[in-house]
Amino acid sequence: MKNYIQAEDYELWVLIKNGPLIPTKIIEDGTEVHKEPDKFDAKDFKKMEKNAKAKKTLVLWSWSG
């Protein structure tokens, strides 16, 4: 599975290995917090798309095996 995913999308493999990408923002006191979905920008949506692709890849792989 590792080699298959790396060949398809190496960044996707790193995401699967390290966990999901979570859009965040820095608030006034300097703390980093999760963004509300209605505050996502284009970059955040790309992160969420990558997370969804990782889930899809893992589900499809589990069904095929």
Protein backbone atom coordinates (compact mmCIF):
# COMPACT_ATOMS: atom_id res chain seq x y z
CA MET A 1 0.00 0.00 0.00
CA LYS A 2 2.77 2.43 0.93
CA ASN A 3 4.46 2.14 -2.46
CA TYR A 4 1.16 2.45 -4.33
CA ILE A 5 0.16 5.64 -2.51
CA GLN A 6 3.65 7.15 -2.77
CA ALA A 7 3.62 6.51 -6.52
CA GLU A 8 0.20 8.14 -6.87
CA ASP A 9 0.86 11.16 -4.66
CA TYR A 10 3.81 11.33 -2.26
CA GLU A 11 2.34 14.27 -0.37
CA LEU A 12 -0.75 12.16 0.19
CA TRP A 13 1.39 9.42 1.76
CA VAL A 14 2.94 11.94 4.17
CA LEU A 15 -0.53 13.14 5.09
CA ILE A 16 -1.74 9.59 5.77
CA LYS A 17 1.34 8.89 7.85
CA ASN A 18 1.29 12.14 9.87
CA GLY A 19 -2.43 12.88 10.18
CA PRO A 20 -4.85 15.32 8.63
CA LEU A 21 -4.14 18.89 7.62
CA ILE A 22 -6.17 21.21 9.83
CA PRO A 23 -6.74 24.82 8.74
CA THR A 24 -5.76 27.09 11.63
CA LYS A 25 -5.51 30.75 12.49
CA ILE A 26 -3.66 32.78 15.12
CA ILE A 27 -5.90 34.65 17.52
CA GLU A 28 -5.10 37.88 19.37
CA ASP A 29 -3.26 36.25 22.28
CA GLY A 30 -0.99 34.36 19.85
CA THR A 31 -2.70 31.00 20.26
CA GLU A 32 -3.23 28.84 17.17
CA VAL A 33 -6.81 27.56 16.86
CA HIS A 34 -8.83 25.63 14.26
CA LYS A 35 -10.60 27.80 11.69
CA GLU A 36 -14.35 27.72 11.31
CA PRO A 37 -15.29 26.21 7.92
CA ASP A 38 -17.05 29.42 6.90
CA LYS A 39 -13.69 31.23 7.28
CA PHE A 40 -11.75 28.86 4.96
CA ASP A 41 -9.86 30.38 2.06
CA ALA A 42 -8.71 28.64 -1.14
CA LYS A 43 -5.60 27.27 0.56
CA ASP A 44 -7.69 25.78 3.37
CA PHE A 45 -10.04 24.11 0.90
CA LYS A 46 -7.03 22.53 -0.82
CA LYS A 47 -5.98 21.08 2.56
CA MET A 48 -9.46 19.68 3.12
CA GLU A 49 -9.52 18.20 -0.39
CA LYS A 50 -6.21 16.47 0.34
CA ASN A 51 -7.66 15.06 3.58
CA ALA A 52 -10.67 13.73 1.68
CA LYS A 53 -8.42 12.19 -0.96
CA ALA A 54 -6.43 10.43 1.77
CA LYS A 55 -9.62 8.96 3.27
CA LYS A 56 -10.87 7.89 -0.14
CA THR A 57 -7.56 6.22 -0.98
CA LEU A 58 -7.51 4.29 2.30
CA VAL A 59 -11.13 3.16 1.91
CA LEU A 60 -10.63 2.05 -1.68
CA TRP A 61 -7.44 0.23 -0.73
CA SER A 62 -9.18 -1.59 2.13
CA TRP A 63 -12.04 -2.67 -0.17
CA SER A 64 -9.65 -4.01 -2.80
CA GLY A 65 -7.64 -6.13 -0.37
